Amino acid sequence: DGVVTSRRRIVRIGGRTFAHLAFLGMILAIALILKAGQII
């Protein structure tokens, strides 16, 4: 049981971190697009 719970925790943490990274990546991409639009 311990191994299964540890694996589930790793998956949950990985999913959360991936979601956060994707969210931050989208914000950075939008910021770069807005900056590029201002320059043009």
Protein backbone atom coordinates (compact mmCIF):
# COMPACT_ATOMS: atom_id res chain seq x y z
CA ASP A 1 0.00 0.00 0.00
CA GLY A 2 2.86 2.37 0.82
CA VAL A 3 4.33 2.09 -2.67
CA VAL A 4 0.97 2.78 -4.32
CA THR A 5 0.30 5.87 -2.19
CA SER A 6 3.81 7.19 -2.84
CA ARG A 7 3.31 6.72 -6.59
CA ARG A 8 -0.05 8.49 -6.46
CA ARG A 9 1.52 11.38 -4.55
CA ILE A 10 4.26 11.68 -7.18
CA VAL A 11 1.66 11.69 -9.97
CA ARG A 12 -0.44 14.30 -8.17
CA ILE A 13 2.59 16.54 -7.53
CA GLY A 14 3.77 16.08 -11.13
CA GLY A 15 0.32 16.98 -12.47
CA ARG A 16 0.14 20.08 -10.31
CA THR A 17 3.63 21.27 -11.20
CA PHE A 18 2.93 20.64 -14.91
CA ALA A 19 -0.29 22.66 -14.66
CA HIS A 20 1.52 25.52 -12.91
CA LEU A 21 4.34 25.51 -15.48
CA ALA A 22 1.84 25.48 -18.35
CA PHE A 23 -0.10 28.34 -16.73
CA LEU A 24 3.06 30.41 -16.20
CA GLY A 25 4.17 29.59 -19.75
CA MET A 26 0.89 30.90 -21.14
CA ILE A 27 1.24 34.14 -19.14
CA LEU A 28 4.81 34.61 -20.39
CA ALA A 29 3.74 33.90 -23.98
CA ILE A 30 0.89 36.44 -23.76
CA ALA A 31 3.25 39.02 -22.20
CA LEU A 32 5.77 38.53 -25.03
CA ILE A 33 3.02 38.83 -27.67
CA LEU A 34 1.74 42.05 -26.06
CA LYS A 35 5.28 43.48 -25.92
CA ALA A 36 5.88 42.52 -29.56
CA GLY A 37 2.57 44.17 -30.51
CA GLN A 38 3.59 47.39 -28.75
CA ILE A 39 6.95 47.42 -30.54
CA ILE A 40 5.30 46.90 -33.92
